[in-house]
C-alpha atoms as a PDB file:
ATOM      1  CA  MET A   1     -14.325   4.355  -1.817  1.00  0.00           C
ATOM      2  CA  THR A   2     -17.056   2.769   1.372  1.00  0.00           C
ATOM      3  CA  MET A   3     -19.220   0.293   1.451  1.00  0.00           C
ATOM      4  CA  THR A   4     -22.251   1.254   3.339  1.00  0.00           C
ATOM      5  CA  ALA A   5     -24.856  -1.664   4.663  1.00  0.00           C
ATOM      6  CA  GLY A   6     -27.932   0.978   4.182  1.00  0.00           C
ATOM      7  CA  SER A   7     -29.368   4.167   4.011  1.00  0.00           C
ATOM      8  CA  VAL A   8     -31.090   6.387   6.262  1.00  0.00           C
ATOM      9  CA  GLN A   9     -34.528   6.955   5.483  1.00  0.00           C
ATOM     10  CA  ALA A  10     -37.763   8.142   6.518  1.00  0.00           C
ATOM     11  CA  VAL A  11     -40.105   5.624   7.976  1.00  0.00           C
ATOM     12  CA  VAL A  12     -43.992   5.344   9.374  1.00  0.00           C
ATOM     13  CA  ILE A  13     -44.752   3.543  12.888  1.00  0.00           C
ATOM     14  CA  CYS A  14     -47.329   2.930  14.541  1.00  0.00           C
ATOM     15  CA  LYS A  15     -47.110   4.703  18.342  1.00  0.00           C
ATOM     16  CA  PRO A  16     -49.685   4.627  21.236  1.00  0.00           C
ATOM     17  CA  SER A  17     -51.791   7.446  21.600  1.00  0.00           C
ATOM     18  CA  ALA A  18     -54.951   8.263  23.845  1.00  0.00           C
ATOM     19  CA  ALA A  19     -56.924  10.016  20.871  1.00  0.00           C
ATOM     20  CA  ALA A  20     -57.060   8.888  16.758  1.00  0.00           C
ATOM     21  CA  SER A  21     -58.845  10.290  14.238  1.00  0.00           C
ATOM     22  CA  ALA A  22     -60.881   7.752  11.773  1.00  0.00           C
ATOM     23  CA  MET A  23     -58.676   7.865   9.263  1.00  0.00           C
ATOM     24  CA  GLN A  24     -55.595   7.230  11.568  1.00  0.00           C
ATOM     25  CA  GLN A  25     -57.576   4.402  13.122  1.00  0.00           C
ATOM     26  CA  ALA A  26     -57.655   3.055   9.524  1.00  0.00           C
ATOM     27  CA  VAL A  27     -53.534   3.112   8.932  1.00  0.00           C
ATOM     28  CA  CYS A  28     -52.540   1.698  12.439  1.00  0.00           C
ATOM     29  CA  PRO A  29     -54.809  -1.289  13.565  1.00  0.00           C
ATOM     30  CA  ASN A  30     -56.073  -1.128  17.244  1.00  0.00           C
ATOM     31  CA  ASP A  31     -54.822  -3.499  20.429  1.00  0.00           C
ATOM     32  CA  GLY A  32     -57.898  -3.753  22.228  1.00  0.00           C
ATOM     33  CA  ALA A  33     -58.677  -0.607  24.171  1.00  0.00           C
ATOM     34  CA  GLN A  34     -55.177   1.388  22.967  1.00  0.00           C
ATOM     35  CA  LEU A  35     -55.358   3.462  20.311  1.00  0.00           C
ATOM     36  CA  TYR A  36     -52.436   4.438  17.696  1.00  0.00           C
ATOM     37  CA  VAL A  37     -51.639   6.510  15.608  1.00  0.00           C
ATOM     38  CA  PRO A  38     -49.088   7.214  12.681  1.00  0.00           C
ATOM     39  CA  SER A  39     -46.085   8.272  12.749  1.00  0.00           C
ATOM     40  CA  ILE A  40     -42.364   9.699  10.652  1.00  0.00           C
ATOM     41  CA  VAL A  41     -39.212   8.765  11.534  1.00  0.00           C
ATOM     42  CA  GLN A  42     -35.790   8.622  10.804  1.00  0.00           C
ATOM     43  CA  ALA A  43     -34.588   4.851  10.717  1.00  0.00           C
ATOM     44  CA  TYR A  44     -31.170   2.953   9.175  1.00  0.00           C
ATOM     45  CA  LEU A  45     -32.742   0.584   6.777  1.00  0.00           C
ATOM     46  CA  LEU A  46     -29.938  -2.404   6.084  1.00  0.00           C
ATOM     47  CA  ASP A  47     -29.587  -3.315   2.536  1.00  0.00           C
ATOM     48  CA  PRO A  48     -30.604  -6.971   1.734  1.00  0.00           C
ATOM     49  CA  ALA A  49     -27.500  -7.163  -0.306  1.00  0.00           C
ATOM     50  CA  GLN A  50     -25.312  -7.016   2.923  1.00  0.00           C
ATOM     51  CA  GLN A  51     -27.279  -9.795   4.884  1.00  0.00           C
ATOM     52  CA  ASN A  52     -24.534 -12.557   4.716  1.00  0.00           C
ATOM     53  CA  ASN A  53     -22.139  -9.863   6.027  1.00  0.00           C
ATOM     54  CA  ILE A  54     -24.219  -8.934   9.090  1.00  0.00           C
ATOM     55  CA  ASP A  55     -25.126 -12.789   9.569  1.00  0.00           C
ATOM     56  CA  ALA A  56     -21.962 -13.209   9.794  1.00  0.00           C
ATOM     57  CA  ALA A  57     -21.048 -10.392  11.977  1.00  0.00           C
ATOM     58  CA  LEU A  58     -23.539 -11.828  14.213  1.00  0.00           C
ATOM     59  CA  GLY A  59     -23.418 -15.401  14.248  1.00  0.00           C
ATOM     60  CA  PRO A  60     -21.927 -17.693  16.661  1.00  0.00           C
ATOM     61  CA  PHE A  61     -18.235 -17.239  17.986  1.00  0.00           C
ATOM     62  CA  ASP A  62     -15.373 -19.643  16.406  1.00  0.00           C
ATOM     63  CA  TYR A  63     -13.358 -20.322  18.766  1.00  0.00           C
ATOM     64  CA  ALA A  64     -11.347 -22.856  16.575  1.00  0.00           C
ATOM     65  CA  TYR A  65     -10.954 -20.598  14.007  1.00  0.00           C
ATOM     66  CA  ALA A  66      -9.955 -17.670  16.661  1.00  0.00           C
ATOM     67  CA  SER A  67      -7.648 -19.909  18.253  1.00  0.00           C
ATOM     68  CA  GLY A  68      -5.585 -20.709  15.179  1.00  0.00           C
ATOM     69  CA  LEU A  69      -5.213 -17.377  14.029  1.00  0.00           C
ATOM     70  CA  TRP A  70      -3.976 -16.550  18.034  1.00  0.00           C
ATOM     71  CA  ALA A  71      -1.813 -19.498  17.388  1.00  0.00           C
ATOM     72  CA  MET A  72      -0.539 -18.107  13.945  1.00  0.00           C
ATOM     73  CA  ALA A  73      -0.154 -14.431  15.408  1.00  0.00           C
ATOM     74  CA  PHE A  74       1.999 -15.509  19.003  1.00  0.00           C
ATOM     75  CA  SER A  75       4.435 -17.853  16.608  1.00  0.00           C
ATOM     76  CA  MET A  76       4.918 -14.759  14.563  1.00  0.00           C
ATOM     77  CA  VAL A  77       5.810 -12.799  17.320  1.00  0.00           C
ATOM     78  CA  VAL A  78       8.661 -15.481  18.801  1.00  0.00           C
ATOM     79  CA  GLY A  79       9.670 -16.498  15.465  1.00  0.00           C
ATOM     80  CA  LEU A  80      10.788 -12.200  14.708  1.00  0.00           C
ATOM     81  CA  TYR A  81      11.737 -12.583  18.066  1.00  0.00           C
ATOM     82  CA  PHE A  82      14.154 -15.078  17.600  1.00  0.00           C
ATOM     83  CA  VAL A  83      15.215 -13.586  14.515  1.00  0.00           C
ATOM     84  CA  SER A  84      15.471 -10.153  15.658  1.00  0.00           C
ATOM     85  CA  GLN A  85      17.879 -11.761  18.346  1.00  0.00           C
ATOM     86  CA  GLY A  86      19.835 -13.584  15.863  1.00  0.00           C
ATOM     87  CA  ILE A  87      20.710 -10.201  13.962  1.00  0.00           C
ATOM     88  CA  GLY A  88      21.683  -8.330  16.763  1.00  0.00           C
ATOM     89  CA  GLN A  89      24.536 -11.171  17.897  1.00  0.00           C
ATOM     90  CA  VAL A  90      25.192 -11.079  14.024  1.00  0.00           C
ATOM     91  CA  LEU A  91      25.452  -6.926  14.182  1.00  0.00           C
ATOM     92  CA  GLY A  92      27.260  -7.612  18.078  1.00  0.00           C
ATOM     93  CA  LEU A  93      30.075  -9.964  16.492  1.00  0.00           C
ATOM     94  CA  ILE A  94      30.146  -7.146  13.766  1.00  0.00           C
ATOM     95  CA  ARG A  95      31.071  -4.911  16.086  1.00  0.00           C
ATOM     96  CA  ARG A  96      33.152  -5.930  18.863  1.00  0.00           C
ATOM     97  CA  GLY A  97      35.280  -7.228  15.364  1.00  0.00           C
END
């Protein structure tokens, strides 16, 4: 089961153009001398329910949380090293008899 953050949909955008009909000018506003015409494009639109997830991913990096995770992971690696070294010494003792 995959959870999507949005969907692909057709949207209307206004693109710059050299000439536009009266109906096209009614749909898209003019910017002084520049004319715009409507155009349909495919766009990935985000689901509003996913806003919290996206804001969290794009938010500022939390160095305190990251350092806590790094310290935990490093201590686990060192702890596993010492446990495996102890197990190796016990097995070596059994092997030598």
